[in-house]
């Protein structure tokens, strides 16, 4: 289940974000978290089964949703969680196209995701 980020989940969110190569530096990671907390068009979502095991961060534009971050706890990878987060997000924002940025494009390509497959 995809849930919206709350400040109470900050440590978990930072831990998941830190798995992304461009977020290894603590100062960069803190700035990214600040963006998600303060910028209206930046939205952070967490994937919760029994525990929080995934994260997806987006920037909402007028016509498209840019997927900036997507991360799954290493012990839960290859279970379809990343793809499920994208599908759920496309349901929430059904009037907008999901598109990757340079950091998430490889994941989109690996999953062979396209707008038709996401039912956008």
PDB file of N, CA and C in Angstrom:
ATOM      1  N   UNK A   1       0.842  -1.172   0.000  1.00  0.00           N
ATOM      2  CA  UNK A   1       0.000   0.000   0.000  1.00  0.00           C
ATOM      3  C   UNK A   1       0.892   1.242   0.000  1.00  0.00           C
ATOM      4  N   UNK A   2       0.556   2.192  -0.845  1.00  0.00           N
ATOM      5  CA  UNK A   2       1.310   3.439  -0.949  1.00  0.00           C
ATOM      6  C   UNK A   2       0.720   4.453   0.025  1.00  0.00           C
ATOM      7  N   UNK A   3       1.577   5.018   0.873  1.00  0.00           N
ATOM      8  CA  UNK A   3       1.129   6.033   1.835  1.00  0.00           C
ATOM      9  C   UNK A   3       1.974   7.291   1.657  1.00  0.00           C
ATOM     10  N   UNK A   4       1.390   8.426   1.990  1.00  0.00           N
ATOM     11  CA  UNK A   4       2.124   9.689   1.894  1.00  0.00           C
ATOM     12  C   UNK A   4       3.136   9.801   3.028  1.00  0.00           C
ATOM     13  N   UNK A   5       4.250  10.423   2.713  1.00  0.00           N
ATOM     14  CA  UNK A   5       5.304  10.664   3.691  1.00  0.00           C
ATOM     15  C   UNK A   5       4.812  11.581   4.805  1.00  0.00           C
ATOM     16  N   UNK A   6       5.196  11.263   6.025  1.00  0.00           N
ATOM     17  CA  UNK A   6       4.983  12.121   7.189  1.00  0.00           C
ATOM     18  C   UNK A   6       6.322  12.258   7.894  1.00  0.00           C
ATOM     19  N   UNK A   7       6.500  13.341   8.611  1.00  0.00           N
ATOM     20  CA  UNK A   7       7.757  13.621   9.325  1.00  0.00           C
ATOM     21  C   UNK A   7       8.149  12.455  10.247  1.00  0.00           C
ATOM     22  N   UNK A   8       7.171  11.748  10.786  1.00  0.00           N
ATOM     23  CA  UNK A   8       7.452  10.617  11.679  1.00  0.00           C
ATOM     24  C   UNK A   8       8.227   9.505  10.968  1.00  0.00           C
ATOM     25  N   UNK A   9       8.166   9.470   9.626  1.00  0.00           N
ATOM     26  CA  UNK A   9       8.857   8.449   8.840  1.00  0.00           C
ATOM     27  C   UNK A   9      10.200   8.933   8.310  1.00  0.00           C
ATOM     28  N   UNK A  10      10.704  10.050   8.815  1.00  0.00           N
ATOM     29  CA  UNK A  10      11.900  10.670   8.253  1.00  0.00           C
ATOM     30  C   UNK A  10      13.105   9.730   8.219  1.00  0.00           C
ATOM     31  N   UNK A  11      13.397   9.046   9.322  1.00  0.00           N
ATOM     32  CA  UNK A  11      14.583   8.177   9.360  1.00  0.00           C
ATOM     33  C   UNK A  11      14.458   7.017   8.381  1.00  0.00           C
ATOM     34  N   UNK A  12      13.280   6.431   8.305  1.00  0.00           N
ATOM     35  CA  UNK A  12      13.062   5.329   7.364  1.00  0.00           C
ATOM     36  C   UNK A  12      13.224   5.834   5.934  1.00  0.00           C
ATOM     37  N   UNK A  13      12.616   6.985   5.642  1.00  0.00           N
ATOM     38  CA  UNK A  13      12.695   7.569   4.295  1.00  0.00           C
ATOM     39  C   UNK A  13      14.144   7.886   3.933  1.00  0.00           C
ATOM     40  N   UNK A  14      14.886   8.478   4.852  1.00  0.00           N
ATOM     41  CA  UNK A  14      16.290   8.797   4.582  1.00  0.00           C
ATOM     42  C   UNK A  14      17.098   7.526   4.338  1.00  0.00           C
ATOM     43  N   UNK A  15      16.813   6.486   5.092  1.00  0.00           N
ATOM     44  CA  UNK A  15      17.505   5.214   4.901  1.00  0.00           C
ATOM     45  C   UNK A  15      17.244   4.642   3.518  1.00  0.00           C
ATOM     46  N   UNK A  16      15.985   4.661   3.093  1.00  0.00           N
ATOM     47  CA  UNK A  16      15.642   4.151   1.765  1.00  0.00           C
ATOM     48  C   UNK A  16      16.236   5.019   0.666  1.00  0.00           C
ATOM     49  N   UNK A  17      16.174   6.339   0.830  1.00  0.00           N
ATOM     50  CA  UNK A  17      16.759   7.248  -0.163  1.00  0.00           C
ATOM     51  C   UNK A  17      18.261   7.053  -0.299  1.00  0.00           C
ATOM     52  N   UNK A  18      18.913   6.723   0.817  1.00  0.00           N
ATOM     53  CA  UNK A  18      20.375   6.583   0.793  1.00  0.00           C
ATOM     54  C   UNK A  18      20.841   5.398  -0.063  1.00  0.00           C
ATOM     55  N   UNK A  19      19.929   4.501  -0.447  1.00  0.00           N
ATOM     56  CA  UNK A  19      20.294   3.406  -1.342  1.00  0.00           C
ATOM     57  C   UNK A  19      20.495   3.901  -2.774  1.00  0.00           C
ATOM     58  N   UNK A  20      20.000   5.096  -3.080  1.00  0.00           N
ATOM     59  CA  UNK A  20      20.192   5.647  -4.420  1.00  0.00           C
ATOM     60  C   UNK A  20      21.583   6.264  -4.497  1.00  0.00           C
ATOM     61  N   UNK A  21      22.356   5.928  -5.511  1.00  0.00           N
ATOM     62  CA  UNK A  21      23.752   6.388  -5.600  1.00  0.00           C
ATOM     63  C   UNK A  21      23.933   7.904  -5.462  1.00  0.00           C
ATOM     64  N   UNK A  22      23.045   8.701  -6.037  1.00  0.00           N
ATOM     65  CA  UNK A  22      23.201  10.152  -5.985  1.00  0.00           C
ATOM     66  C   UNK A  22      22.835  10.731  -4.616  1.00  0.00           C
ATOM     67  N   UNK A  23      22.340   9.903  -3.700  1.00  0.00           N
ATOM     68  CA  UNK A  23      21.945  10.384  -2.370  1.00  0.00           C
ATOM     69  C   UNK A  23      22.866   9.855  -1.262  1.00  0.00           C
ATOM     70  N   UNK A  24      24.057   9.417  -1.623  1.00  0.00           N
ATOM     71  CA  UNK A  24      24.985   8.866  -0.630  1.00  0.00           C
ATOM     72  C   UNK A  24      25.530   9.928   0.327  1.00  0.00           C
ATOM     73  N   UNK A  25      25.749  11.134  -0.193  1.00  0.00           N
ATOM     74  CA  UNK A  25      26.294  12.226   0.615  1.00  0.00           C
ATOM     75  C   UNK A  25      25.208  12.733   1.578  1.00  0.00           C
ATOM     76  N   UNK A  26      25.537  12.820   2.864  1.00  0.00           N
ATOM     77  CA  UNK A  26      24.561  13.192   3.884  1.00  0.00           C
ATOM     78  C   UNK A  26      23.955  14.570   3.638  1.00  0.00           C
ATOM     79  N   UNK A  27      24.778  15.538   3.266  1.00  0.00           N
ATOM     80  CA  UNK A  27      24.254  16.892   3.004  1.00  0.00           C
ATOM     81  C   UNK A  27      23.279  16.886   1.823  1.00  0.00           C
ATOM     82  N   UNK A  28      23.592  16.145   0.786  1.00  0.00           N
ATOM     83  CA  UNK A  28      22.707  16.026  -0.377  1.00  0.00           C
ATOM     84  C   UNK A  28      21.399  15.356   0.030  1.00  0.00           C
ATOM     85  N   UNK A  29      21.505  14.305   0.825  1.00  0.00           N
ATOM     86  CA  UNK A  29      20.334  13.571   1.308  1.00  0.00           C
ATOM     87  C   UNK A  29      19.432  14.469   2.155  1.00  0.00           C
ATOM     88  N   UNK A  30      20.032  15.241   3.044  1.00  0.00           N
ATOM     89  CA  UNK A  30      19.258  16.159   3.880  1.00  0.00           C
ATOM     90  C   UNK A  30      18.556  17.222   3.034  1.00  0.00           C
ATOM     91  N   UNK A  31      19.228  17.716   1.994  1.00  0.00           N
ATOM     92  CA  UNK A  31      18.617  18.714   1.105  1.00  0.00           C
ATOM     93  C   UNK A  31      17.445  18.105   0.335  1.00  0.00           C
ATOM     94  N   UNK A  32      17.604  16.881  -0.103  1.00  0.00           N
ATOM     95  CA  UNK A  32      16.526  16.197  -0.809  1.00  0.00           C
ATOM     96  C   UNK A  32      15.310  16.044   0.099  1.00  0.00           C
ATOM     97  N   UNK A  33      15.541  15.642   1.343  1.00  0.00           N
ATOM     98  CA  UNK A  33      14.431  15.497   2.300  1.00  0.00           C
ATOM     99  C   UNK A  33      13.755  16.840   2.537  1.00  0.00           C
ATOM    100  N   UNK A  34      14.541  17.885   2.639  1.00  0.00           N
ATOM    101  CA  UNK A  34      13.996  19.235   2.832  1.00  0.00           C
ATOM    102  C   UNK A  34      13.112  19.624   1.643  1.00  0.00           C
ATOM    103  N   UNK A  35      13.551  19.302   0.436  1.00  0.00           N
ATOM    104  CA  UNK A  35      12.741  19.582  -0.752  1.00  0.00           C
ATOM    105  C   UNK A  35      11.389  18.876  -0.674  1.00  0.00           C
ATOM    106  N   UNK A  36      11.391  17.606  -0.287  1.00  0.00           N
ATOM    107  CA  UNK A  36      10.142  16.864  -0.194  1.00  0.00           C
ATOM    108  C   UNK A  36       9.238  17.421   0.912  1.00  0.00           C
ATOM    109  N   UNK A  37       9.825  17.951   1.955  1.00  0.00           N
ATOM    110  CA  UNK A  37       9.028  18.499   3.051  1.00  0.00           C
ATOM    111  C   UNK A  37       8.502  19.904   2.766  1.00  0.00           C
ATOM    112  N   UNK A  38       9.247  20.698   1.977  1.00  0.00           N
ATOM    113  CA  UNK A  38       8.890  22.106   1.818  1.00  0.00           C
ATOM    114  C   UNK A  38       8.313  22.489   0.464  1.00  0.00           C
ATOM    115  N   UNK A  39       8.658  21.778  -0.577  1.00  0.00           N
ATOM    116  CA  UNK A  39       8.193  22.137  -1.923  1.00  0.00           C
ATOM    117  C   UNK A  39       6.842  21.472  -2.205  1.00  0.00           C
ATOM    118  N   UNK A  40       5.864  22.277  -2.589  1.00  0.00           N
ATOM    119  CA  UNK A  40       4.514  21.760  -2.824  1.00  0.00           C
ATOM    120  C   UNK A  40       4.430  20.738  -3.947  1.00  0.00           C
ATOM    121  N   UNK A  41       5.246  20.906  -4.985  1.00  0.00           N
ATOM    122  CA  UNK A  41       5.167  19.989  -6.117  1.00  0.00           C
ATOM    123  C   UNK A  41       6.023  18.731  -5.938  1.00  0.00           C
ATOM    124  N   UNK A  42       6.824  18.670  -4.881  1.00  0.00           N
ATOM    125  CA  UNK A  42       7.614  17.474  -4.558  1.00  0.00           C
ATOM    126  C   UNK A  42       6.784  16.619  -3.595  1.00  0.00           C
ATOM    127  N   UNK A  43       6.529  15.366  -3.965  1.00  0.00           N
ATOM    128  CA  UNK A  43       5.755  14.462  -3.122  1.00  0.00           C
ATOM    129  C   UNK A  43       6.534  13.170  -2.900  1.00  0.00           C
ATOM    130  N   UNK A  44       6.512  12.714  -1.668  1.00  0.00           N
ATOM    131  CA  UNK A  44       7.211  11.491  -1.299  1.00  0.00           C
ATOM    132  C   UNK A  44       6.173  10.494  -0.785  1.00  0.00           C
ATOM    133  N   UNK A  45       6.268   9.258  -1.284  1.00  0.00           N
ATOM    134  CA  UNK A  45       5.361   8.200  -0.878  1.00  0.00           C
ATOM    135  C   UNK A  45       6.171   7.016  -0.376  1.00  0.00           C
ATOM    136  N   UNK A  46       5.614   6.280   0.557  1.00  0.00           N
ATOM    137  CA  UNK A  46       6.262   5.093   1.112  1.00  0.00           C
ATOM    138  C   UNK A  46       5.393   3.884   0.822  1.00  0.00           C
ATOM    139  N   UNK A  47       6.030   2.744   0.593  1.00  0.00           N
ATOM    140  CA  UNK A  47       5.299   1.500   0.359  1.00  0.00           C
ATOM    141  C   UNK A  47       5.334   0.690   1.643  1.00  0.00           C
ATOM    142  N   UNK A  48       4.139   0.365   2.131  1.00  0.00           N
ATOM    143  CA  UNK A  48       4.040  -0.354   3.398  1.00  0.00           C
ATOM    144  C   UNK A  48       3.300  -1.666   3.197  1.00  0.00           C
ATOM    145  N   UNK A  49       3.964  -2.755   3.565  1.00  0.00           N
ATOM    146  CA  UNK A  49       3.300  -4.050   3.682  1.00  0.00           C
ATOM    147  C   UNK A  49       3.108  -4.216   5.183  1.00  0.00           C
ATOM    148  N   UNK A  50       3.897  -5.054   5.806  1.00  0.00           N
ATOM    149  CA  UNK A  50       3.912  -5.086   7.270  1.00  0.00           C
ATOM    150  C   UNK A  50       4.784  -3.955   7.792  1.00  0.00           C
ATOM    151  N   UNK A  51       5.882  -3.722   7.104  1.00  0.00           N
ATOM    152  CA  UNK A  51       6.796  -2.629   7.419  1.00  0.00           C
ATOM    153  C   UNK A  51       6.905  -1.746   6.182  1.00  0.00           C
ATOM    154  N   UNK A  52       7.547  -0.597   6.348  1.00  0.00           N
ATOM    155  CA  UNK A  52       7.827   0.266   5.212  1.00  0.00           C
ATOM    156  C   UNK A  52       9.058  -0.295   4.504  1.00  0.00           C
ATOM    157  N   UNK A  53       8.885  -0.678   3.239  1.00  0.00           N
ATOM    158  CA  UNK A  53       9.970  -1.339   2.515  1.00  0.00           C
ATOM    159  C   UNK A  53      10.356  -0.629   1.223  1.00  0.00           C
ATOM    160  N   UNK A  54       9.613   0.415   0.849  1.00  0.00           N
ATOM    161  CA  UNK A  54       9.922   1.099  -0.394  1.00  0.00           C
ATOM    162  C   UNK A  54       9.560   2.567  -0.325  1.00  0.00           C
ATOM    163  N   UNK A  55      10.081   3.298  -1.305  1.00  0.00           N
ATOM    164  CA  UNK A  55       9.885   4.745  -1.364  1.00  0.00           C
ATOM    165  C   UNK A  55       9.865   5.183  -2.819  1.00  0.00           C
ATOM    166  N   UNK A  56       9.014   6.146  -3.116  1.00  0.00           N
ATOM    167  CA  UNK A  56       8.999   6.742  -4.440  1.00  0.00           C
ATOM    168  C   UNK A  56       8.789   8.249  -4.269  1.00  0.00           C
ATOM    169  N   UNK A  57       9.659   9.011  -4.906  1.00  0.00           N
ATOM    170  CA  UNK A  57       9.592  10.466  -4.816  1.00  0.00           C
ATOM    171  C   UNK A  57       9.361  11.054  -6.189  1.00  0.00           C
ATOM    172  N   UNK A  58       8.426  11.998  -6.268  1.00  0.00           N
ATOM    173  CA  UNK A  58       8.045  12.568  -7.555  1.00  0.00           C
ATOM    174  C   UNK A  58       7.971  14.087  -7.483  1.00  0.00           C
ATOM    175  N   UNK A  59       8.049  14.688  -8.663  1.00  0.00           N
ATOM    176  CA  UNK A  59       7.768  16.114  -8.814  1.00  0.00           C
ATOM    177  C   UNK A  59       6.573  16.194  -9.755  1.00  0.00           C
ATOM    178  N   UNK A  60       5.531  16.847  -9.290  1.00  0.00           N
ATOM    179  CA  UNK A  60       4.279  16.915 -10.031  1.00  0.00           C
ATOM    180  C   UNK A  60       4.271  18.134 -10.936  1.00  0.00           C
ATOM    181  N   UNK A  61       4.199  17.883 -12.217  1.00  0.00           N
ATOM    182  CA  UNK A  61       4.107  18.952 -13.202  1.00  0.00           C
ATOM    183  C   UNK A  61       2.681  19.069 -13.709  1.00  0.00           C
ATOM    184  N   UNK A  62       2.456  19.989 -14.629  1.00  0.00           N
ATOM    185  CA  UNK A  62       1.107  20.186 -15.157  1.00  0.00           C
ATOM    186  C   UNK A  62       0.625  19.005 -15.983  1.00  0.00           C
ATOM    187  N   UNK A  63       1.531  18.410 -16.758  1.00  0.00           N
ATOM    188  CA  UNK A  63       1.138  17.310 -17.635  1.00  0.00           C
ATOM    189  C   UNK A  63       1.742  15.970 -17.243  1.00  0.00           C
ATOM    190  N   UNK A  64       2.818  15.994 -16.472  1.00  0.00           N
ATOM    191  CA  UNK A  64       3.516  14.740 -16.167  1.00  0.00           C
ATOM    192  C   UNK A  64       3.987  14.708 -14.718  1.00  0.00           C
ATOM    193  N   UNK A  65       4.221  13.507 -14.263  1.00  0.00           N
ATOM    194  CA  UNK A  65       4.798  13.238 -12.948  1.00  0.00           C
ATOM    195  C   UNK A  65       6.210  12.730 -13.198  1.00  0.00           C
ATOM    196  N   UNK A  66       7.207  13.481 -12.740  1.00  0.00           N
ATOM    197  CA  UNK A  66       8.598  13.043 -12.897  1.00  0.00           C
ATOM    198  C   UNK A  66       8.985  12.195 -11.685  1.00  0.00           C
ATOM    199  N   UNK A  67       9.346  10.951 -11.950  1.00  0.00           N
ATOM    200  CA  UNK A  67       9.784  10.052 -10.882  1.00  0.00           C
ATOM    201  C   UNK A  67      11.257  10.327 -10.637  1.00  0.00           C
ATOM    202  N   UNK A  68      11.557  10.988  -9.521  1.00  0.00           N
ATOM    203  CA  UNK A  68      12.923  11.391  -9.183  1.00  0.00           C
ATOM    204  C   UNK A  68      13.666  10.314  -8.384  1.00  0.00           C
ATOM    205  N   UNK A  69      12.952   9.635  -7.527  1.00  0.00           N
ATOM    206  CA  UNK A  69      13.562   8.629  -6.662  1.00  0.00           C
ATOM    207  C   UNK A  69      12.647   7.410  -6.588  1.00  0.00           C
ATOM    208  N   UNK A  70      13.268   6.248  -6.617  1.00  0.00           N
ATOM    209  CA  UNK A  70      12.544   5.006  -6.353  1.00  0.00           C
ATOM    210  C   UNK A  70      13.535   4.054  -5.698  1.00  0.00           C
ATOM    211  N   UNK A  71      13.139   3.539  -4.545  1.00  0.00           N
ATOM    212  CA  UNK A  71      14.060   2.707  -3.781  1.00  0.00           C
ATOM    213  C   UNK A  71      13.278   1.648  -3.013  1.00  0.00           C
ATOM    214  N   UNK A  72      13.839   0.457  -2.962  1.00  0.00           N
ATOM    215  CA  UNK A  72      13.246  -0.646  -2.210  1.00  0.00           C
ATOM    216  C   UNK A  72      14.331  -1.226  -1.312  1.00  0.00           C
ATOM    217  N   UNK A  73      13.962  -1.550  -0.092  1.00  0.00           N
ATOM    218  CA  UNK A  73      14.879  -2.184   0.848  1.00  0.00           C
ATOM    219  C   UNK A  73      15.496  -3.410   0.160  1.00  0.00           C
ATOM    220  N   UNK A  74      16.831  -3.548   0.204  1.00  0.00           N
ATOM    221  CA  UNK A  74      17.490  -4.661  -0.504  1.00  0.00           C
ATOM    222  C   UNK A  74      16.925  -6.045  -0.168  1.00  0.00           C
ATOM    223  N   UNK A  75      16.464  -6.256   1.045  1.00  0.00           N
ATOM    224  CA  UNK A  75      15.930  -7.572   1.399  1.00  0.00           C
ATOM    225  C   UNK A  75      14.536  -7.821   0.811  1.00  0.00           C
ATOM    226  N   UNK A  76      13.954  -6.818   0.172  1.00  0.00           N
ATOM    227  CA  UNK A  76      12.626  -6.967  -0.441  1.00  0.00           C
ATOM    228  C   UNK A  76      12.648  -6.723  -1.948  1.00  0.00           C
ATOM    229  N   UNK A  77      13.825  -6.669  -2.524  1.00  0.00           N
ATOM    230  CA  UNK A  77      13.924  -6.434  -3.967  1.00  0.00           C
ATOM    231  C   UNK A  77      13.539  -7.688  -4.746  1.00  0.00           C
ATOM    232  N   UNK A  78      13.201  -7.498  -5.992  1.00  0.00           N
ATOM    233  CA  UNK A  78      12.788  -8.571  -6.910  1.00  0.00           C
ATOM    234  C   UNK A  78      11.466  -9.198  -6.497  1.00  0.00           C
ATOM    235  N   UNK A  79      10.635  -8.426  -5.787  1.00  0.00           N
ATOM    236  CA  UNK A  79       9.299  -8.893  -5.400  1.00  0.00           C
ATOM    237  C   UNK A  79       8.211  -8.091  -6.127  1.00  0.00           C
ATOM    238  N   UNK A  80       8.604  -7.189  -7.014  1.00  0.00           N
ATOM    239  CA  UNK A  80       7.633  -6.397  -7.757  1.00  0.00           C
ATOM    240  C   UNK A  80       7.165  -5.140  -7.045  1.00  0.00           C
ATOM    241  N   UNK A  81       7.833  -4.762  -5.952  1.00  0.00           N
ATOM    242  CA  UNK A  81       7.405  -3.603  -5.170  1.00  0.00           C
ATOM    243  C   UNK A  81       7.596  -2.304  -5.955  1.00  0.00           C
ATOM    244  N   UNK A  82       8.732  -2.152  -6.622  1.00  0.00           N
ATOM    245  CA  UNK A  82       8.970  -0.935  -7.402  1.00  0.00           C
ATOM    246  C   UNK A  82       7.917  -0.742  -8.470  1.00  0.00           C
ATOM    247  N   UNK A  83       7.618  -1.810  -9.190  1.00  0.00           N
ATOM    248  CA  UNK A  83       6.606  -1.751 -10.236  1.00  0.00           C
ATOM    249  C   UNK A  83       5.227  -1.467  -9.634  1.00  0.00           C
ATOM    250  N   UNK A  84       4.933  -2.071  -8.492  1.00  0.00           N
ATOM    251  CA  UNK A  84       3.647  -1.835  -7.814  1.00  0.00           C
ATOM    252  C   UNK A  84       3.515  -0.377  -7.378  1.00  0.00           C
ATOM    253  N   UNK A  85       4.626   0.210  -6.920  1.00  0.00           N
ATOM    254  CA  UNK A  85       4.577   1.628  -6.533  1.00  0.00           C
ATOM    255  C   UNK A  85       4.249   2.496  -7.741  1.00  0.00           C
ATOM    256  N   UNK A  86       4.863   2.196  -8.886  1.00  0.00           N
ATOM    257  CA  UNK A  86       4.593   2.965 -10.101  1.00  0.00           C
ATOM    258  C   UNK A  86       3.148   2.798 -10.560  1.00  0.00           C
ATOM    259  N   UNK A  87       2.641   1.588 -10.514  1.00  0.00           N
ATOM    260  CA  UNK A  87       1.250   1.352 -10.923  1.00  0.00           C
ATOM    261  C   UNK A  87       0.275   2.100 -10.008  1.00  0.00           C
ATOM    262  N   UNK A  88       0.521   2.037  -8.710  1.00  0.00           N
ATOM    263  CA  UNK A  88      -0.354   2.725  -7.761  1.00  0.00           C
ATOM    264  C   UNK A  88      -0.290   4.229  -7.969  1.00  0.00           C
ATOM    265  N   UNK A  89       0.892   4.738  -8.194  1.00  0.00           N
ATOM    266  CA  UNK A  89       1.060   6.166  -8.452  1.00  0.00           C
ATOM    267  C   UNK A  89       0.325   6.576  -9.727  1.00  0.00           C
ATOM    268  N   UNK A  90       0.381   5.732 -10.750  1.00  0.00           N
ATOM    269  CA  UNK A  90      -0.329   6.060 -11.991  1.00  0.00           C
ATOM    270  C   UNK A  90      -1.839   6.038 -11.779  1.00  0.00           C
ATOM    271  N   UNK A  91      -2.315   5.239 -10.838  1.00  0.00           N
ATOM    272  CA  UNK A  91      -3.744   5.241 -10.497  1.00  0.00           C
ATOM    273  C   UNK A  91      -4.125   6.533  -9.761  1.00  0.00           C
ATOM    274  N   UNK A  92      -3.276   6.971  -8.847  1.00  0.00           N
ATOM    275  CA  UNK A  92      -3.534   8.193  -8.087  1.00  0.00           C
ATOM    276  C   UNK A  92      -3.569   9.405  -9.015  1.00  0.00           C
ATOM    277  N   UNK A  93      -2.612   9.470  -9.930  1.00  0.00           N
ATOM    278  CA  UNK A  93      -2.508  10.589 -10.867  1.00  0.00           C
ATOM    279  C   UNK A  93      -2.875  10.103 -12.272  1.00  0.00           C
ATOM    280  N   UNK A  94      -4.072   9.579 -12.422  1.00  0.00           N
ATOM    281  CA  UNK A  94      -4.469   8.954 -13.686  1.00  0.00           C
ATOM    282  C   UNK A  94      -4.541   9.928 -14.863  1.00  0.00           C
ATOM    283  N   UNK A  95      -4.608  11.211 -14.569  1.00  0.00           N
ATOM    284  CA  UNK A  95      -4.683  12.207 -15.649  1.00  0.00           C
ATOM    285  C   UNK A  95      -3.307  12.706 -16.093  1.00  0.00           C
ATOM    286  N   UNK A  96      -2.230  12.146 -15.536  1.00  0.00           N
ATOM    287  CA  UNK A  96      -0.882  12.585 -15.875  1.00  0.00           C
ATOM    288  C   UNK A  96      -0.018  11.396 -16.290  1.00  0.00           C
ATOM    289  N   UNK A  97       0.987  11.678 -17.090  1.00  0.00           N
ATOM    290  CA  UNK A  97       1.928  10.661 -17.542  1.00  0.00           C
ATOM    291  C   UNK A  97       3.077  10.545 -16.531  1.00  0.00           C
ATOM    292  N   UNK A  98       3.471   9.319 -16.241  1.00  0.00           N
ATOM    293  CA  UNK A  98       4.658   9.102 -15.408  1.00  0.00           C
ATOM    294  C   UNK A  98       5.869   9.079 -16.321  1.00  0.00           C
ATOM    295  N   UNK A  99       6.914   9.807 -15.926  1.00  0.00           N
ATOM    296  CA  UNK A  99       8.142   9.749 -16.712  1.00  0.00           C
ATOM    297  C   UNK A  99       9.341   9.735 -15.773  1.00  0.00           C
ATOM    298  N   UNK A 100      10.378   9.021 -16.163  1.00  0.00           N
ATOM    299  CA  UNK A 100      11.570   8.937 -15.316  1.00  0.00           C
ATOM    300  C   UNK A 100      12.468  10.150 -15.508  1.00  0.00           C
ATOM    301  N   UNK A 101      13.386  10.338 -14.553  1.00  0.00           N
ATOM    302  CA  UNK A 101      14.479  11.292 -14.765  1.00  0.00           C
ATOM    303  C   UNK A 101      15.735  10.449 -15.010  1.00  0.00           C
ATOM    304  N   UNK A 102      16.889  11.109 -15.050  1.00  0.00           N
ATOM    305  CA  UNK A 102      18.126  10.373 -15.345  1.00  0.00           C
ATOM    306  C   UNK A 102      18.460   9.333 -14.279  1.00  0.00           C
ATOM    307  N   UNK A 103      17.966   9.507 -13.059  1.00  0.00           N
ATOM    308  CA  UNK A 103      18.272   8.570 -11.978  1.00  0.00           C
ATOM    309  C   UNK A 103      17.332   7.370 -11.929  1.00  0.00           C
ATOM    310  N   UNK A 104      16.160   7.492 -12.520  1.00  0.00           N
ATOM    311  CA  UNK A 104      15.182   6.404 -12.473  1.00  0.00           C
ATOM    312  C   UNK A 104      14.932   5.760 -13.839  1.00  0.00           C
ATOM    313  N   UNK A 105      15.527   6.320 -14.880  1.00  0.00           N
ATOM    314  CA  UNK A 105      15.304   5.808 -16.242  1.00  0.00           C
ATOM    315  C   UNK A 105      15.717   4.344 -16.374  1.00  0.00           C
ATOM    316  N   UNK A 106      16.817   3.961 -15.752  1.00  0.00           N
ATOM    317  CA  UNK A 106      17.293   2.575 -15.850  1.00  0.00           C
ATOM    318  C   UNK A 106      16.274   1.596 -15.261  1.00  0.00           C
ATOM    319  N   UNK A 107      15.625   2.007 -14.164  1.00  0.00           N
ATOM    320  CA  UNK A 107      14.602   1.142 -13.564  1.00  0.00           C
ATOM    321  C   UNK A 107      13.415   1.003 -14.502  1.00  0.00           C
ATOM    322  N   UNK A 108      12.956   2.110 -15.083  1.00  0.00           N
ATOM    323  CA  UNK A 108      11.853   2.057 -16.043  1.00  0.00           C
ATOM    324  C   UNK A 108      12.211   1.112 -17.190  1.00  0.00           C
ATOM    325  N   UNK A 109      13.438   1.242 -17.691  1.00  0.00           N
ATOM    326  CA  UNK A 109      13.882   0.417 -18.819  1.00  0.00           C
ATOM    327  C   UNK A 109      13.987  -1.057 -18.416  1.00  0.00           C
ATOM    328  N   UNK A 110      14.540  -1.313 -17.239  1.00  0.00           N
ATOM    329  CA  UNK A 110      14.701  -2.687 -16.756  1.00  0.00           C
ATOM    330  C   UNK A 110      13.353  -3.387 -16.647  1.00  0.00           C
ATOM    331  N   UNK A 111      12.366  -2.651 -16.188  1.00  0.00           N
ATOM    332  CA  UNK A 111      11.020  -3.215 -16.040  1.00  0.00           C
ATOM    333  C   UNK A 111      10.233  -3.173 -17.334  1.00  0.00           C
ATOM    334  N   UNK A 112      10.829  -2.584 -18.373  1.00  0.00           N
ATOM    335  CA  UNK A 112      10.171  -2.404 -19.660  1.00  0.00           C
ATOM    336  C   UNK A 112       8.843  -1.680 -19.473  1.00  0.00           C
ATOM    337  N   UNK A 113       8.889  -0.623 -18.660  1.00  0.00           N
ATOM    338  CA  UNK A 113       7.679   0.140 -18.365  1.00  0.00           C
ATOM    339  C   UNK A 113       7.421   1.172 -19.436  1.00  0.00           C
ATOM    340  N   UNK A 114       6.199   1.239 -19.821  1.00  0.00           N
ATOM    341  CA  UNK A 114       5.770   2.295 -20.723  1.00  0.00           C
ATOM    342  C   UNK A 114       4.378   2.730 -20.288  1.00  0.00           C
ATOM    343  N   UNK A 115       3.885   3.789 -20.849  1.00  0.00           N
ATOM    344  CA  UNK A 115       2.610   4.327 -20.401  1.00  0.00           C
ATOM    345  C   UNK A 115       1.443   3.357 -20.624  1.00  0.00           C
ATOM    346  N   UNK A 116       1.492   2.570 -21.675  1.00  0.00           N
ATOM    347  CA  UNK A 116       0.433   1.607 -21.925  1.00  0.00           C
ATOM    348  C   UNK A 116       0.386   0.560 -20.810  1.00  0.00           C
ATOM    349  N   UNK A 117       1.567   0.077 -20.428  1.00  0.00           N
ATOM    350  CA  UNK A 117       1.643  -0.955 -19.397  1.00  0.00           C
ATOM    351  C   UNK A 117       1.188  -0.430 -18.036  1.00  0.00           C
ATOM    352  N   UNK A 118       1.405   0.846 -17.798  1.00  0.00           N
ATOM    353  CA  UNK A 118       0.995   1.432 -16.526  1.00  0.00           C
ATOM    354  C   UNK A 118      -0.475   1.884 -16.549  1.00  0.00           C
ATOM    355  N   UNK A 119      -1.135   1.659 -17.675  1.00  0.00           N
ATOM    356  CA  UNK A 119      -2.548   2.037 -17.829  1.00  0.00           C
ATOM    357  C   UNK A 119      -2.777   3.516 -17.614  1.00  0.00           C
ATOM    358  N   UNK A 120      -1.905   4.326 -18.183  1.00  0.00           N
ATOM    359  CA  UNK A 120      -2.072   5.773 -18.072  1.00  0.00           C
ATOM    360  C   UNK A 120      -2.889   6.250 -19.255  1.00  0.00           C
TER     361      UNK A 120
END
